[in-house]
Amino acid sequence: ALVGVELVVIYLSFFSSSEEKGGGPKKGEKVVARASGKYRKDVPRGSEKKPKVTVYFGSQTGTAEGYAKEFVQEAKRNRFDAESRDLECFTPSLLKNGGLAVFIVATYGEGEPTDNAKKFVEWIREGGGAADGDLGMLDYCVFGLGSTDYEHYNTIATLVDERLGALGARRVMPLSLGNEALCMADDYGEFKAAAMRSIAAHFGTDPNALKLDLRFQYKVTVHSTREE
């Protein structure tokens, strides 16, 4: 048995009693064993491509961009082929070609997109150029950055989530919203862990095998005695 970082390749020779059962590989067949416990026959070592995840960000102050890069690092640590993309460089063909996309977008000012996301938001708005079915090959999830201190709370993330679905894309998990008025970092941490599990399940990987960088916040409550 050769134990690799990404794959465990096992060469097995089964006796005739195993062949008769018909439930496993035949004698001499090469088996690629994966973390999910599934195998595929006759797959050359190293030929499998890692699942691709693209993380798009709409950021004004740099927070969403930082979260996107953190998400990419976590995805790579879990053996996904991940990269971040500035929505300023968005082109319709990027999304029309399909794949799995994570959108981390902030709402700025009076419910407006960030400067680098304006072209993308204009395209997905109803009547903005995108047509129904354009994104039929896309799978996605969305995390929004906003604050309940403002009237237009997470308007852009909500719009992006709704319009992507309307254009034919499929959600891998429900919309997640971060609230700066409470604790944005905690909201993002919860989203990241949930999204990693959803993405793993989407690609057929065991979510329990993930290496998640979980953050825990503790609160100590002191209970006074009656005398105090």
Protein backbone atom coordinates (compact mmCIF):
# COMPACT_ATOMS: atom_id res chain seq x y z
CA ALA A 1 0.00 0.00 0.00
CA LEU A 2 1.26 3.43 -0.90
CA VAL A 3 -0.02 6.14 1.42
CA GLY A 4 -0.03 9.60 -0.16
CA VAL A 5 -1.10 13.01 1.10
CA GLU A 6 -4.17 13.15 -1.10
CA LEU A 7 -4.84 9.60 -2.17
CA VAL A 8 -4.39 6.14 -0.84
CA VAL A 9 -3.68 3.81 -3.75
CA ILE A 10 -4.16 0.17 -2.92
CA TYR A 11 -3.28 -2.76 -5.12
CA LEU A 12 -5.25 -5.80 -4.09
CA SER A 13 -5.21 -9.32 -5.40
CA PHE A 14 -8.38 -11.12 -4.42
CA PHE A 15 -8.72 -14.88 -4.15
CA SER A 16 -11.41 -16.71 -6.05
CA SER A 17 -13.74 -16.56 -3.04
CA SER A 18 -13.75 -12.75 -3.27
CA GLU A 19 -14.41 -12.83 -6.98
CA GLU A 20 -17.47 -14.99 -6.53
CA LYS A 21 -19.09 -12.42 -4.26
CA GLY A 22 -19.06 -9.85 -7.04
CA GLY A 23 -19.17 -6.93 -4.61
CA GLY A 24 -15.58 -5.78 -4.93
CA PRO A 25 -12.82 -5.42 -7.50
CA LYS A 26 -11.68 -8.41 -9.51
CA LYS A 27 -8.26 -9.93 -9.22
CA GLY A 28 -5.45 -7.56 -10.14
CA GLU A 29 -7.66 -4.46 -10.54
CA LYS A 30 -6.24 -1.18 -9.32
CA VAL A 31 -8.40 0.57 -6.76
CA VAL A 32 -8.30 4.22 -5.74
CA ALA A 33 -9.61 4.55 -2.21
CA ARG A 34 -10.88 7.97 -1.18
CA ALA A 35 -11.75 9.55 2.14
CA SER A 36 -15.42 8.99 1.39
CA GLY A 37 -14.84 5.25 1.34
CA LYS A 38 -15.78 4.98 -2.34
CA TYR A 39 -13.48 3.55 -4.98
CA ARG A 40 -13.13 3.86 -8.71
CA LYS A 41 -11.48 1.31 -10.97
CA ASP A 42 -8.46 1.87 -13.21
CA VAL A 43 -7.79 5.50 -12.30
CA PRO A 44 -4.08 6.36 -12.71
CA ARG A 45 -2.52 7.85 -9.63
CA GLY A 46 -2.55 11.65 -9.65
CA SER A 47 -5.00 11.88 -12.53
CA GLU A 48 -7.93 13.13 -10.45
CA LYS A 49 -8.51 16.86 -10.38
CA LYS A 50 -9.23 18.57 -7.09
CA PRO A 51 -12.73 20.05 -6.74
CA LYS A 52 -12.59 23.70 -7.89
CA VAL A 53 -13.98 26.51 -5.72
CA THR A 54 -13.91 30.18 -6.79
CA VAL A 55 -14.45 32.82 -4.12
CA TYR A 56 -15.68 36.19 -5.45
CA PHE A 57 -15.56 39.25 -3.22
CA GLY A 58 -17.18 42.67 -3.25
CA SER A 59 -15.24 44.78 -0.78
CA GLN A 60 -14.99 48.47 0.03
CA THR A 61 -12.83 48.60 3.15
CA GLY A 62 -11.00 45.30 2.68
CA THR A 63 -12.95 43.15 5.15
CA ALA A 64 -14.76 41.05 2.53
CA GLU A 65 -11.53 40.64 0.59
CA GLY A 66 -9.78 39.41 3.73
CA TYR A 67 -12.57 36.91 4.39
CA ALA A 68 -12.36 35.67 0.80
CA LYS A 69 -8.63 35.01 1.08
CA GLU A 70 -9.14 33.30 4.44
CA PHE A 71 -11.82 31.10 2.87
CA VAL A 72 -9.44 30.13 0.07
CA GLN A 73 -6.73 29.15 2.56
CA GLU A 74 -9.19 26.99 4.49
CA ALA A 75 -10.42 25.36 1.27
CA LYS A 76 -6.88 24.55 0.15
CA ARG A 77 -6.13 23.07 3.55
CA ASN A 78 -9.01 20.70 2.90
CA ARG A 79 -7.68 19.65 -0.52
CA PHE A 80 -9.91 21.86 -2.69
CA ASP A 81 -8.54 23.76 -5.65
CA ALA A 82 -9.55 27.27 -4.58
CA GLU A 83 -8.87 30.82 -5.68
CA SER A 84 -10.27 34.28 -4.92
CA ARG A 85 -11.43 36.75 -7.58
CA ASP A 86 -12.12 40.45 -7.36
CA LEU A 87 -15.63 41.13 -8.70
CA GLU A 88 -14.15 44.12 -10.50
CA CYS A 89 -12.67 41.59 -12.92
CA PHE A 90 -16.01 39.83 -13.39
CA THR A 91 -17.14 38.74 -16.85
CA PRO A 92 -20.41 36.88 -17.56
CA SER A 93 -18.56 33.96 -19.13
CA LEU A 94 -16.83 33.20 -15.82
CA LEU A 95 -20.16 32.29 -14.24
CA LYS A 96 -21.81 30.85 -17.35
CA ASN A 97 -19.09 28.22 -17.56
CA GLY A 98 -20.35 26.81 -14.28
CA GLY A 99 -18.52 25.39 -11.29
CA LEU A 100 -18.91 26.19 -7.61
CA ALA A 101 -18.74 29.83 -6.55
CA VAL A 102 -18.75 31.48 -3.14
CA PHE A 103 -19.78 35.15 -3.04
CA ILE A 104 -18.64 37.30 -0.12
CA VAL A 105 -20.18 40.72 -0.68
CA ALA A 106 -20.65 43.85 1.39
CA THR A 107 -23.45 46.41 1.28
CA TYR A 108 -22.10 49.95 1.16
CA GLY A 109 -23.69 53.34 1.84
CA GLU A 110 -27.44 53.46 1.25
CA GLY A 111 -27.85 49.86 0.16
CA GLU A 112 -25.37 50.11 -2.71
CA PRO A 113 -22.81 47.59 -3.97
CA THR A 114 -19.16 48.23 -3.29
CA ASP A 115 -17.27 50.00 -6.07
CA ASN A 116 -15.62 46.82 -7.30
CA ALA A 117 -18.95 44.91 -7.45
CA LYS A 118 -21.05 47.48 -9.35
CA LYS A 119 -20.55 45.92 -12.79
CA PHE A 120 -21.47 42.46 -11.48
CA VAL A 121 -24.57 43.67 -9.61
CA GLU A 122 -25.77 45.65 -12.63
CA TRP A 123 -25.47 42.53 -14.78
CA ILE A 124 -27.48 40.25 -12.48
CA ARG A 125 -30.23 42.79 -11.73
CA GLU A 126 -33.49 42.10 -13.53
CA GLY A 127 -33.17 43.57 -17.01
CA GLY A 128 -29.45 44.12 -16.56
CA GLY A 129 -28.18 41.78 -19.24
CA ALA A 130 -28.36 38.33 -17.67
CA ALA A 131 -31.06 36.01 -19.00
CA ASP A 132 -32.98 33.21 -17.32
CA GLY A 133 -31.01 30.00 -17.51
CA ASP A 134 -27.67 31.74 -18.07
CA LEU A 135 -26.30 30.28 -14.85
CA GLY A 136 -27.77 26.81 -15.09
CA MET A 137 -24.33 25.23 -14.65
CA LEU A 138 -23.40 27.23 -11.55
CA ASP A 139 -23.59 26.13 -7.91
CA TYR A 140 -23.17 28.82 -5.27
CA CYS A 141 -23.50 30.20 -1.77
CA VAL A 142 -23.47 33.79 -0.49
CA PHE A 143 -22.21 35.54 2.63
CA GLY A 144 -23.16 39.18 3.18
CA LEU A 145 -21.49 41.89 5.23
CA GLY A 146 -23.77 44.57 6.64
CA SER A 147 -25.03 46.22 9.81
CA THR A 148 -28.44 46.55 11.39
CA ASP A 149 -27.38 50.05 12.42
CA TYR A 150 -28.28 51.04 8.86
CA GLU A 151 -31.63 50.95 7.09
CA HIS A 152 -30.52 48.84 4.14
CA TYR A 153 -29.21 45.79 5.95
CA ASN A 154 -27.32 43.41 3.65
CA THR A 155 -29.30 44.54 0.62
CA ILE A 156 -26.65 43.48 -1.88
CA ALA A 157 -26.08 39.98 -0.50
CA THR A 158 -29.83 39.38 -0.49
CA LEU A 159 -30.09 40.62 -4.07
CA VAL A 160 -27.17 38.49 -5.25
CA ASP A 161 -28.57 35.36 -3.61
CA GLU A 162 -32.05 35.87 -5.09
CA ARG A 163 -30.91 36.80 -8.59
CA LEU A 164 -28.39 33.96 -8.94
CA GLY A 165 -31.16 31.53 -8.11
CA ALA A 166 -33.54 33.23 -10.53
CA LEU A 167 -30.95 32.91 -13.31
CA GLY A 168 -30.78 29.15 -12.86
CA ALA A 169 -27.90 28.69 -10.40
CA ARG A 170 -28.29 26.19 -7.54
CA ARG A 171 -27.65 27.01 -3.87
CA VAL A 172 -25.47 24.62 -1.93
CA MET A 173 -26.58 26.28 1.32
CA PRO A 174 -28.93 29.10 2.41
CA LEU A 175 -27.91 32.76 2.39
CA SER A 176 -25.76 33.77 5.39
CA LEU A 177 -25.62 37.34 6.72
CA GLY A 178 -22.99 38.98 8.89
CA ASN A 179 -23.94 41.81 11.22
CA GLU A 180 -21.26 44.36 12.12
CA ALA A 181 -23.51 45.72 14.87
CA LEU A 182 -23.08 42.44 16.75
CA CYS A 183 -20.03 40.40 15.81
CA MET A 184 -19.14 40.08 12.14
CA ALA A 185 -16.17 37.78 12.85
CA ASP A 186 -18.39 35.25 14.62
CA ASP A 187 -20.97 35.36 11.83
CA TYR A 188 -18.29 34.78 9.22
CA GLY A 189 -16.72 31.95 11.23
CA GLU A 190 -20.06 30.15 11.42
CA PHE A 191 -20.62 30.67 7.69
CA LYS A 192 -17.17 29.41 6.78
CA ALA A 193 -17.55 26.18 8.74
CA ALA A 194 -21.06 25.54 7.40
CA ALA A 195 -20.00 26.36 3.82
CA MET A 196 -17.03 24.00 3.97
CA ARG A 197 -19.31 21.17 5.08
CA SER A 198 -21.84 21.97 2.36
CA ILE A 199 -19.13 22.15 -0.31
CA ALA A 200 -17.62 18.86 0.86
CA ALA A 201 -21.02 17.17 0.69
CA HIS A 202 -21.59 18.70 -2.75
CA PHE A 203 -18.38 17.12 -4.06
CA GLY A 204 -19.05 13.79 -2.36
CA THR A 205 -16.41 14.21 0.34
CA ASP A 206 -17.07 13.22 3.94
CA PRO A 207 -17.74 16.53 5.82
CA ASN A 208 -16.58 14.88 9.05
CA ALA A 209 -13.09 14.50 7.58
CA LEU A 210 -12.60 18.26 7.16
CA LYS A 211 -9.94 20.18 9.02
CA LEU A 212 -11.85 23.24 10.14
CA ASP A 213 -10.31 26.29 11.74
CA LEU A 214 -13.10 26.79 14.26
CA ARG A 215 -13.26 29.83 16.50
CA PHE A 216 -14.98 29.69 19.83
CA GLN A 217 -16.10 32.64 21.92
CA TYR A 218 -16.62 32.14 25.63
CA LYS A 219 -18.66 34.20 28.05
CA VAL A 220 -18.15 33.99 31.80
CA THR A 221 -21.19 34.82 33.91
CA VAL A 222 -20.70 35.52 37.63
CA HIS A 223 -23.69 34.75 39.81
CA SER A 224 -23.82 36.80 43.02
CA THR A 225 -24.73 35.25 46.36
CA ARG A 226 -27.75 36.52 48.21
CA GLU A 227 -25.55 38.48 50.64
CA GLU A 228 -23.80 40.25 47.76
